[in-house]
Every structure is written in structure tokens, then in C-alpha cells.
Amino acid sequence: MYFAISLRLILPNTTKQKALFLDRDGVINRDIGYACDPGRIDFLPGIFEFCQAFQVAGYLLIVGMMGAV
């Protein structure tokens, strides 16, 4: 519910926005379990170029952490 309300504030009903939804662990970085130490984050090869290509193409990037779902 909060997510939907937030998007309405950011993107009015008259605006269409392409979006790319990514899970963090295993998609953006290696899944190391609970990531409490930023020094242990190991980004996957090519992820920054991948995200940049979608941004340049006009996509809104949304990163989630779905481990608890």
C-alpha cells in the first residue's frame, strides 16, 4: 500500500514510466546472507553497465530485498 502511494506522488497518473525491478542478493551482488558489513558486498560482474544501459534507455530502476518474503 505504501509503495503504491509513493509511486503516485512521484509519477502522476498522466505519466507512463518504464521500470526495471531487481532483487539485490544474487542479482546485483553475491548472496552472502545478512549483509551487515558493506565491505563484504561483492557486486556481480557487469551489473553497473547493465543498470546504466537501462537508465540511458529511460527506465526507472527499483531495487528490492526480497529475502524475507
N, C-alpha and C. Protein backbone atom coordinates (compact mmCIF):
# COMPACT_ATOMS: atom_id res chain seq x y z
N MET A 1 0.83 -1.19 0.00
CA MET A 1 0.00 0.00 0.00
C MET A 1 0.87 1.26 0.00
N TYR A 2 1.88 1.32 0.90
CA TYR A 2 2.76 2.48 0.96
C TYR A 2 3.50 2.68 -0.37
N PHE A 3 3.95 1.56 -0.96
CA PHE A 3 4.67 1.63 -2.22
C PHE A 3 3.81 2.25 -3.30
N ALA A 4 2.55 1.83 -3.41
CA ALA A 4 1.65 2.37 -4.43
C ALA A 4 1.41 3.86 -4.20
N ILE A 5 1.24 4.27 -2.96
CA ILE A 5 1.02 5.68 -2.67
C ILE A 5 2.25 6.49 -3.04
N SER A 6 3.44 5.97 -2.72
CA SER A 6 4.68 6.67 -3.04
C SER A 6 4.83 6.88 -4.54
N LEU A 7 4.50 5.85 -5.33
CA LEU A 7 4.63 5.99 -6.77
C LEU A 7 3.65 7.02 -7.32
N ARG A 8 2.46 7.12 -6.75
CA ARG A 8 1.51 8.12 -7.21
C ARG A 8 2.04 9.53 -6.97
N LEU A 9 2.76 9.72 -5.89
CA LEU A 9 3.33 11.03 -5.62
C LEU A 9 4.47 11.36 -6.58
N ILE A 10 5.24 10.35 -6.95
CA ILE A 10 6.38 10.55 -7.85
C ILE A 10 5.93 10.63 -9.31
N LEU A 11 5.03 9.72 -9.69
CA LEU A 11 4.59 9.63 -11.08
C LEU A 11 3.10 9.89 -11.19
N PRO A 12 2.69 11.09 -11.61
CA PRO A 12 1.27 11.36 -11.76
C PRO A 12 0.61 10.37 -12.72
N ASN A 13 -0.71 10.24 -12.61
CA ASN A 13 -1.45 9.29 -13.45
C ASN A 13 -1.26 9.54 -14.93
N THR A 14 -0.92 10.75 -15.32
CA THR A 14 -0.76 11.06 -16.74
C THR A 14 0.60 10.66 -17.28
N THR A 15 1.49 10.22 -16.42
CA THR A 15 2.85 9.86 -16.82
C THR A 15 3.01 8.35 -16.85
N LYS A 16 3.56 7.85 -17.94
CA LYS A 16 3.91 6.43 -18.03
C LYS A 16 5.42 6.34 -17.90
N GLN A 17 5.87 5.41 -17.08
CA GLN A 17 7.30 5.24 -16.84
C GLN A 17 7.67 3.77 -16.94
N LYS A 18 8.65 3.48 -17.76
CA LYS A 18 9.17 2.12 -17.82
C LYS A 18 9.99 1.88 -16.57
N ALA A 19 9.91 0.66 -16.03
CA ALA A 19 10.65 0.36 -14.80
C ALA A 19 11.26 -1.02 -14.89
N LEU A 20 12.39 -1.16 -14.23
CA LEU A 20 13.08 -2.44 -14.11
C LEU A 20 13.19 -2.76 -12.63
N PHE A 21 12.60 -3.86 -12.20
CA PHE A 21 12.63 -4.28 -10.81
C PHE A 21 13.70 -5.36 -10.65
N LEU A 22 14.63 -5.14 -9.73
CA LEU A 22 15.72 -6.08 -9.49
C LEU A 22 15.78 -6.45 -8.02
N ASP A 23 16.03 -7.72 -7.75
CA ASP A 23 16.30 -8.15 -6.39
C ASP A 23 17.78 -7.90 -6.14
N ARG A 24 18.13 -7.55 -4.92
CA ARG A 24 19.52 -7.23 -4.63
C ARG A 24 20.40 -8.47 -4.58
N ASP A 25 20.13 -9.36 -3.63
CA ASP A 25 21.01 -10.51 -3.39
C ASP A 25 20.88 -11.56 -4.50
N GLY A 26 21.99 -11.84 -5.14
CA GLY A 26 22.02 -12.82 -6.21
C GLY A 26 21.79 -12.24 -7.58
N VAL A 27 21.35 -10.98 -7.65
CA VAL A 27 21.12 -10.32 -8.94
C VAL A 27 22.11 -9.16 -9.11
N ILE A 28 22.22 -8.34 -8.08
CA ILE A 28 23.13 -7.19 -8.10
C ILE A 28 24.45 -7.54 -7.42
N ASN A 29 24.36 -8.27 -6.33
CA ASN A 29 25.57 -8.70 -5.61
C ASN A 29 25.45 -10.17 -5.25
N ARG A 30 26.58 -10.76 -4.91
CA ARG A 30 26.58 -12.17 -4.47
C ARG A 30 25.81 -12.27 -3.16
N ASP A 31 24.99 -13.30 -3.05
CA ASP A 31 24.20 -13.51 -1.84
C ASP A 31 25.08 -14.06 -0.74
N ILE A 32 25.36 -13.22 0.26
CA ILE A 32 26.23 -13.62 1.38
C ILE A 32 25.43 -13.77 2.67
N GLY A 33 24.12 -13.80 2.54
CA GLY A 33 23.29 -13.82 3.73
C GLY A 33 23.05 -12.39 4.19
N TYR A 34 22.96 -12.20 5.48
CA TYR A 34 22.71 -10.87 6.03
C TYR A 34 23.89 -9.96 5.74
N ALA A 35 23.67 -8.91 4.98
CA ALA A 35 24.74 -8.01 4.54
C ALA A 35 24.89 -6.83 5.51
N CYS A 36 25.44 -7.09 6.67
CA CYS A 36 25.58 -6.03 7.67
C CYS A 36 26.90 -5.26 7.54
N ASP A 37 27.85 -5.80 6.80
CA ASP A 37 29.15 -5.16 6.63
C ASP A 37 29.32 -4.76 5.16
N PRO A 38 29.27 -3.45 4.85
CA PRO A 38 29.40 -3.01 3.45
C PRO A 38 30.68 -3.52 2.78
N GLY A 39 31.72 -3.77 3.55
CA GLY A 39 32.98 -4.26 2.99
C GLY A 39 32.88 -5.67 2.42
N ARG A 40 31.84 -6.41 2.81
CA ARG A 40 31.67 -7.79 2.32
C ARG A 40 30.82 -7.86 1.05
N ILE A 41 30.24 -6.73 0.63
CA ILE A 41 29.39 -6.73 -0.57
C ILE A 41 30.28 -6.94 -1.80
N ASP A 42 29.93 -7.93 -2.59
CA ASP A 42 30.68 -8.27 -3.80
C ASP A 42 29.72 -8.15 -4.98
N PHE A 43 29.82 -7.04 -5.72
CA PHE A 43 28.92 -6.81 -6.85
C PHE A 43 29.23 -7.78 -7.98
N LEU A 44 28.19 -8.23 -8.65
CA LEU A 44 28.36 -9.16 -9.77
C LEU A 44 28.97 -8.45 -10.97
N PRO A 45 29.79 -9.14 -11.74
CA PRO A 45 30.42 -8.53 -12.91
C PRO A 45 29.38 -8.00 -13.89
N GLY A 46 29.58 -6.77 -14.34
CA GLY A 46 28.73 -6.18 -15.36
C GLY A 46 27.45 -5.54 -14.86
N ILE A 47 27.18 -5.60 -13.55
CA ILE A 47 25.89 -5.09 -13.05
C ILE A 47 25.78 -3.58 -13.23
N PHE A 48 26.86 -2.83 -13.07
CA PHE A 48 26.78 -1.38 -13.20
C PHE A 48 26.52 -0.98 -14.65
N GLU A 49 27.16 -1.65 -15.58
CA GLU A 49 26.94 -1.37 -17.00
C GLU A 49 25.51 -1.75 -17.40
N PHE A 50 25.03 -2.87 -16.87
CA PHE A 50 23.66 -3.33 -17.12
C PHE A 50 22.65 -2.28 -16.66
N CYS A 51 22.81 -1.80 -15.43
CA CYS A 51 21.89 -0.80 -14.88
C CYS A 51 21.98 0.52 -15.65
N GLN A 52 23.19 0.91 -16.01
CA GLN A 52 23.36 2.15 -16.75
C GLN A 52 22.68 2.08 -18.11
N ALA A 53 22.76 0.94 -18.78
CA ALA A 53 22.12 0.78 -20.09
C ALA A 53 20.60 0.98 -19.97
N PHE A 54 20.00 0.45 -18.91
CA PHE A 54 18.56 0.63 -18.72
C PHE A 54 18.22 2.06 -18.35
N GLN A 55 19.06 2.71 -17.55
CA GLN A 55 18.83 4.12 -17.21
C GLN A 55 18.88 4.98 -18.46
N VAL A 56 19.87 4.76 -19.29
CA VAL A 56 20.01 5.53 -20.53
C VAL A 56 18.80 5.31 -21.43
N ALA A 57 18.22 4.10 -21.38
CA ALA A 57 17.03 3.79 -22.19
C ALA A 57 15.75 4.35 -21.57
N GLY A 58 15.87 5.04 -20.44
CA GLY A 58 14.71 5.70 -19.85
C GLY A 58 13.97 4.91 -18.79
N TYR A 59 14.57 3.87 -18.27
CA TYR A 59 13.93 3.05 -17.25
C TYR A 59 14.19 3.61 -15.85
N LEU A 60 13.21 3.48 -14.99
CA LEU A 60 13.36 3.73 -13.57
C LEU A 60 13.83 2.43 -12.96
N LEU A 61 14.95 2.45 -12.22
CA LEU A 61 15.47 1.24 -11.60
C LEU A 61 14.99 1.14 -10.17
N ILE A 62 14.42 0.00 -9.82
CA ILE A 62 13.92 -0.23 -8.48
C ILE A 62 14.58 -1.50 -7.95
N VAL A 63 15.27 -1.36 -6.82
CA VAL A 63 15.98 -2.48 -6.22
C VAL A 63 15.26 -2.86 -4.93
N GLY A 64 14.99 -4.15 -4.81
CA GLY A 64 14.32 -4.64 -3.60
C GLY A 64 15.16 -5.69 -2.92
N MET A 65 14.82 -5.97 -1.69
CA MET A 65 15.47 -7.01 -0.92
C MET A 65 14.36 -7.97 -0.49
N MET A 66 14.19 -9.03 -1.24
CA MET A 66 13.05 -9.92 -1.05
C MET A 66 13.35 -11.14 -0.18
N GLY A 67 14.45 -11.16 0.52
CA GLY A 67 14.83 -12.31 1.31
C GLY A 67 13.81 -12.70 2.37
N ALA A 68 13.10 -11.74 2.91
CA ALA A 68 12.15 -12.03 3.98
C ALA A 68 10.75 -12.35 3.45
N VAL A 69 10.55 -12.27 2.16
CA VAL A 69 9.21 -12.50 1.61
C VAL A 69 9.00 -13.98 1.39
